[in-house]
Amino acid sequence: MKVIHVAGLSGAGKTVFISRLVPRLRELGPVAVVKHLGHHPWDLQEGKDTTVFFESGAISVGIDSQKSVLVMEDHDLEHVLGLLDRMEMAFAVIEGFKQRPFPKITIGRLPHPENVLLEDPSVEEVVENLDRFPEFSVNSGKSPGVSGAGKTAAFTLKLDVPAGSPGWALLRFPESILARLEREYPDLRGDLVRSGSAGAPFSVYISAPDPHVAYTGMRVLLEEMEKQFNPHIPGLHED
């Protein structure tokens, strides 16, 4: 499941952009949108059956002739993404959560943005760059990055690198950065899967029991890749 994070200040146009992006993504697969409600929490109607069931500790689902509404106590973003992955969503679009370390799209001017993939893109620019967005996978320890029976289920991010990528593919990169990440984060596992010789497409998997560790590893990897693309831009990587 591709995670497409859209961040920006209130009123920047995130909702309008996502509402245009979703129909285009739906041409490619099922889409879910996760929105940070911020200071405007969702109010459940007092005394309604679905509210009573939720307050009793259940995941409460209401169904009518046009839709289903699910309410649950879990408000951890990674857990929600895991649920969407199990529902076989192809894309999860996240609105808000601008402080989270996801590779992101920014809409409007966002102070001190981190890990930005695209700034104020068109819908087609996003579609053309889908391979740059991380892939979220909930697994049982049998996918790249985790091996062996009895392992704790890991959070896995996948980055697909297309054919014709720069020469660092010939310099055993990103193998070197993956080895460094594994030394710095003992619970992290990085794997590179090549589909051919140097210059051919390949995929990088980063897995860790803690989603925050996995995202940190992916952020570091993307930063190192950016340095390879833009090695001569002064101050590009300064805080």
Protein backbone atom coordinates (compact mmCIF):
# COMPACT_ATOMS: atom_id res chain seq x y z
CA MET A 1 0.00 0.00 0.00
CA LYS A 2 1.50 3.34 -1.07
CA VAL A 3 1.39 6.07 1.58
CA ILE A 4 0.90 9.56 0.12
CA HIS A 5 1.27 12.19 2.83
CA VAL A 6 -0.17 15.64 2.09
CA ALA A 7 0.81 18.41 4.52
CA GLY A 8 0.29 22.16 4.72
CA LEU A 9 -1.05 24.90 6.92
CA SER A 10 -4.77 25.30 7.54
CA GLY A 11 -6.46 26.83 4.51
CA ALA A 12 -3.61 25.99 2.13
CA GLY A 13 -5.82 23.82 -0.07
CA LYS A 14 -4.98 20.28 1.08
CA THR A 15 -8.58 19.06 0.98
CA VAL A 16 -9.22 20.49 -2.49
CA PHE A 17 -6.02 18.89 -3.79
CA ILE A 18 -6.82 15.48 -2.27
CA SER A 19 -10.39 15.60 -3.62
CA ARG A 20 -8.87 15.94 -7.11
CA LEU A 21 -6.18 13.33 -6.50
CA VAL A 22 -8.47 10.56 -5.23
CA PRO A 23 -10.45 10.00 -8.47
CA ARG A 24 -7.20 9.71 -10.41
CA LEU A 25 -5.74 7.23 -7.93
CA ARG A 26 -8.96 5.20 -8.00
CA GLU A 27 -8.20 4.46 -11.65
CA LEU A 28 -5.17 2.55 -10.35
CA GLY A 29 -6.61 0.86 -7.24
CA PRO A 30 -8.64 1.27 -4.03
CA VAL A 31 -7.96 4.50 -2.12
CA ALA A 32 -8.37 5.47 1.53
CA VAL A 33 -7.93 8.92 3.07
CA VAL A 34 -6.87 9.43 6.69
CA LYS A 35 -7.42 12.97 8.02
CA HIS A 36 -6.05 14.52 11.19
CA LEU A 37 -9.05 16.18 12.86
CA GLY A 38 -6.87 18.49 14.94
CA HIS A 39 -8.96 20.86 17.04
CA HIS A 40 -12.21 19.72 15.46
CA PRO A 41 -12.88 16.24 16.88
CA TRP A 42 -15.69 14.13 15.52
CA ASP A 43 -18.73 14.33 17.80
CA LEU A 44 -20.78 11.17 18.24
CA GLN A 45 -24.48 11.68 18.73
CA GLU A 46 -25.34 11.06 22.34
CA GLY A 47 -27.63 8.13 23.01
CA LYS A 48 -27.48 6.69 19.48
CA ASP A 49 -26.95 2.94 19.25
CA THR A 50 -23.61 3.21 17.45
CA THR A 51 -22.39 5.64 20.13
CA VAL A 52 -23.54 3.36 22.95
CA PHE A 53 -21.76 0.38 21.36
CA PHE A 54 -18.57 2.44 20.96
CA GLU A 55 -18.73 3.65 24.58
CA SER A 56 -19.12 0.05 25.73
CA GLY A 57 -15.71 -0.74 24.23
CA ALA A 58 -16.66 -2.23 20.87
CA ILE A 59 -15.64 -1.26 17.37
CA SER A 60 -18.96 0.19 16.27
CA VAL A 61 -20.09 -0.04 12.64
CA GLY A 62 -23.24 1.56 11.28
CA ILE A 63 -24.53 0.60 7.84
CA ASP A 64 -27.23 2.21 5.74
CA SER A 65 -28.21 1.81 2.09
CA GLN A 66 -25.32 3.97 0.83
CA LYS A 67 -22.38 3.67 3.24
CA SER A 68 -20.77 2.18 6.32
CA VAL A 69 -19.38 4.22 9.21
CA LEU A 70 -16.79 2.65 11.54
CA VAL A 71 -15.83 4.11 14.92
CA MET A 72 -13.07 2.61 17.07
CA GLU A 73 -10.98 3.65 20.06
CA ASP A 74 -7.63 3.09 18.33
CA HIS A 75 -6.23 6.48 17.27
CA ASP A 76 -2.65 5.45 16.45
CA LEU A 77 -1.92 6.40 12.85
CA GLU A 78 0.31 3.39 12.11
CA HIS A 79 -2.32 1.01 13.48
CA VAL A 80 -4.95 2.61 11.25
CA LEU A 81 -2.63 2.27 8.25
CA GLY A 82 -2.18 -1.39 9.15
CA LEU A 83 -5.95 -1.85 9.10
CA LEU A 84 -6.17 -0.22 5.67
CA ASP A 85 -3.33 -2.42 4.39
CA ARG A 86 -5.21 -5.53 5.54
CA MET A 87 -8.25 -4.17 3.67
CA GLU A 88 -6.03 -4.30 0.55
CA MET A 89 -6.04 -0.58 -0.15
CA ALA A 90 -3.62 0.34 -2.93
CA PHE A 91 -3.19 3.90 -1.64
CA ALA A 92 -3.55 5.62 1.72
CA VAL A 93 -3.62 9.41 1.43
CA ILE A 94 -2.86 11.16 4.72
CA GLU A 95 -4.03 14.73 5.29
CA GLY A 96 -2.34 16.64 8.08
CA PHE A 97 0.05 15.05 10.62
CA LYS A 98 2.65 17.51 9.31
CA GLN A 99 5.06 16.74 12.17
CA ARG A 100 5.28 13.05 11.26
CA PRO A 101 8.40 11.89 9.38
CA PHE A 102 6.55 10.60 6.31
CA PRO A 103 7.94 11.50 2.88
CA LYS A 104 5.40 14.12 1.88
CA ILE A 105 3.73 16.47 -0.55
CA THR A 106 3.50 20.05 0.70
CA ILE A 107 0.67 22.38 -0.30
CA GLY A 108 1.41 26.08 0.15
CA ARG A 109 4.24 27.41 2.29
CA LEU A 110 5.00 25.10 5.21
CA PRO A 111 7.64 26.36 7.68
CA HIS A 112 10.63 24.04 8.10
CA PRO A 113 9.23 21.09 6.10
CA GLU A 114 11.08 17.78 6.33
CA ASN A 115 11.36 14.92 3.87
CA VAL A 116 9.51 16.70 1.04
CA LEU A 117 9.06 14.76 -2.19
CA LEU A 118 6.89 17.25 -4.12
CA GLU A 119 5.88 20.89 -3.58
CA ASP A 120 2.48 22.09 -4.85
CA PRO A 121 2.33 19.39 -7.54
CA SER A 122 -0.39 18.73 -10.05
CA VAL A 123 -2.36 15.50 -9.78
CA GLU A 124 -0.52 14.08 -12.78
CA GLU A 125 2.85 14.92 -11.23
CA VAL A 126 1.90 12.82 -8.22
CA VAL A 127 0.85 9.91 -10.42
CA GLU A 128 4.08 10.15 -12.41
CA ASN A 129 6.09 10.01 -9.15
CA LEU A 130 4.21 7.22 -7.34
CA ASP A 131 7.35 5.08 -7.28
CA ARG A 132 8.98 7.64 -4.95
CA PHE A 133 6.39 7.21 -2.20
CA PRO A 134 6.99 4.57 0.50
CA GLU A 135 5.00 1.36 0.65
CA PHE A 136 3.45 0.34 3.95
CA SER A 137 3.18 -3.38 4.59
CA VAL A 138 1.94 -5.28 7.62
CA ASN A 139 3.49 -8.73 7.50
CA SER A 140 4.08 -11.82 9.57
CA GLY A 141 7.85 -11.93 9.24
CA LYS A 142 8.11 -13.59 5.83
CA SER A 143 8.57 -10.55 3.61
CA PRO A 144 11.92 -8.92 2.76
CA GLY A 145 13.38 -7.29 5.84
CA VAL A 146 12.20 -9.89 8.37
CA SER A 147 12.91 -13.60 8.48
CA GLY A 148 12.45 -16.55 10.78
CA ALA A 149 9.45 -18.03 12.56
CA GLY A 150 8.26 -16.47 15.76
CA LYS A 151 9.51 -12.97 14.92
CA THR A 152 7.44 -10.00 16.05
CA ALA A 153 5.38 -8.64 13.18
CA ALA A 154 7.29 -5.75 11.61
CA PHE A 155 6.34 -2.51 9.95
CA THR A 156 7.87 -2.55 6.47
CA LEU A 157 8.44 0.34 4.07
CA LYS A 158 9.28 -0.28 0.43
CA LEU A 159 10.94 2.12 -2.00
CA ASP A 160 10.94 1.22 -5.71
CA VAL A 161 13.82 2.73 -7.71
CA PRO A 162 13.17 2.81 -11.47
CA ALA A 163 15.50 1.83 -14.27
CA GLY A 164 18.12 4.31 -15.41
CA SER A 165 18.83 5.60 -11.93
CA PRO A 166 22.09 7.46 -11.22
CA GLY A 167 25.51 5.89 -11.01
CA TRP A 168 25.34 5.29 -7.27
CA ALA A 169 23.61 2.03 -8.14
CA LEU A 170 27.04 0.93 -9.39
CA LEU A 171 28.76 1.97 -6.15
CA ARG A 172 26.96 -0.51 -3.90
CA PHE A 173 24.61 2.20 -2.76
CA PRO A 174 22.23 1.94 -0.94
CA GLU A 175 23.82 -1.22 0.51
CA SER A 176 26.29 0.92 2.45
CA ILE A 177 23.63 3.16 3.99
CA LEU A 178 21.48 0.14 4.89
CA ALA A 179 24.44 -1.42 6.71
CA ARG A 180 24.96 1.83 8.60
CA LEU A 181 21.29 2.02 9.58
CA GLU A 182 21.36 -1.55 10.88
CA ARG A 183 24.34 -0.66 13.07
CA GLU A 184 22.66 2.49 14.41
CA TYR A 185 19.24 0.85 14.93
CA PRO A 186 19.65 -2.79 16.07
CA ASP A 187 15.94 -3.56 15.52
CA LEU A 188 16.00 -2.27 11.95
CA ARG A 189 16.53 -4.52 8.95
CA GLY A 190 17.27 -3.25 5.46
CA ASP A 191 17.15 -5.31 2.28
CA LEU A 192 17.82 -4.48 -1.35
CA VAL A 193 16.18 -6.59 -4.04
CA ARG A 194 17.54 -6.15 -7.56
CA SER A 195 15.64 -7.25 -10.64
CA GLY A 196 18.71 -7.35 -12.89
CA SER A 197 22.16 -5.90 -13.44
CA ALA A 198 23.32 -2.42 -12.42
CA GLY A 199 21.01 0.25 -13.80
CA ALA A 200 17.97 -2.05 -13.70
CA PRO A 201 15.02 -1.34 -11.37
CA PHE A 202 15.43 -2.36 -7.75
CA SER A 203 13.52 -2.12 -4.46
CA VAL A 204 14.65 -1.23 -0.96
CA TYR A 205 12.82 -2.62 2.08
CA ILE A 206 13.22 -1.18 5.57
CA SER A 207 11.56 -3.07 8.42
CA ALA A 208 11.38 -2.55 12.17
CA PRO A 209 8.95 -3.51 14.97
CA ASP A 210 8.62 0.22 15.77
CA PRO A 211 7.10 2.16 12.83
CA HIS A 212 8.93 5.32 13.91
CA VAL A 213 12.29 3.53 13.53
CA ALA A 214 11.30 2.32 10.06
CA TYR A 215 10.28 5.82 8.98
CA THR A 216 13.47 7.30 10.41
CA GLY A 217 15.49 4.78 8.41
CA MET A 218 13.58 5.58 5.22
CA ARG A 219 14.03 9.32 5.82
CA VAL A 220 17.80 8.90 6.19
CA LEU A 221 17.92 6.75 3.05
CA LEU A 222 15.99 9.34 1.02
CA GLU A 223 18.25 12.12 2.28
CA GLU A 224 21.33 10.19 1.19
CA MET A 225 19.76 9.54 -2.21
CA GLU A 226 18.99 13.24 -2.57
CA LYS A 227 22.62 14.07 -1.86
CA GLN A 228 23.57 11.82 -4.77
CA PHE A 229 21.11 13.62 -7.05
CA ASN A 230 22.09 17.13 -5.88
CA PRO A 231 25.65 16.94 -4.52
CA HIS A 232 26.59 20.51 -5.47
CA ILE A 233 23.70 22.54 -4.02
CA PRO A 234 25.09 24.49 -1.03
CA GLY A 235 23.05 24.30 2.14
CA LEU A 236 20.56 21.84 0.70
CA HIS A 237 20.82 19.54 3.70
CA GLU A 238 21.45 22.08 6.44
CA ASP A 239 18.90 22.34 9.27
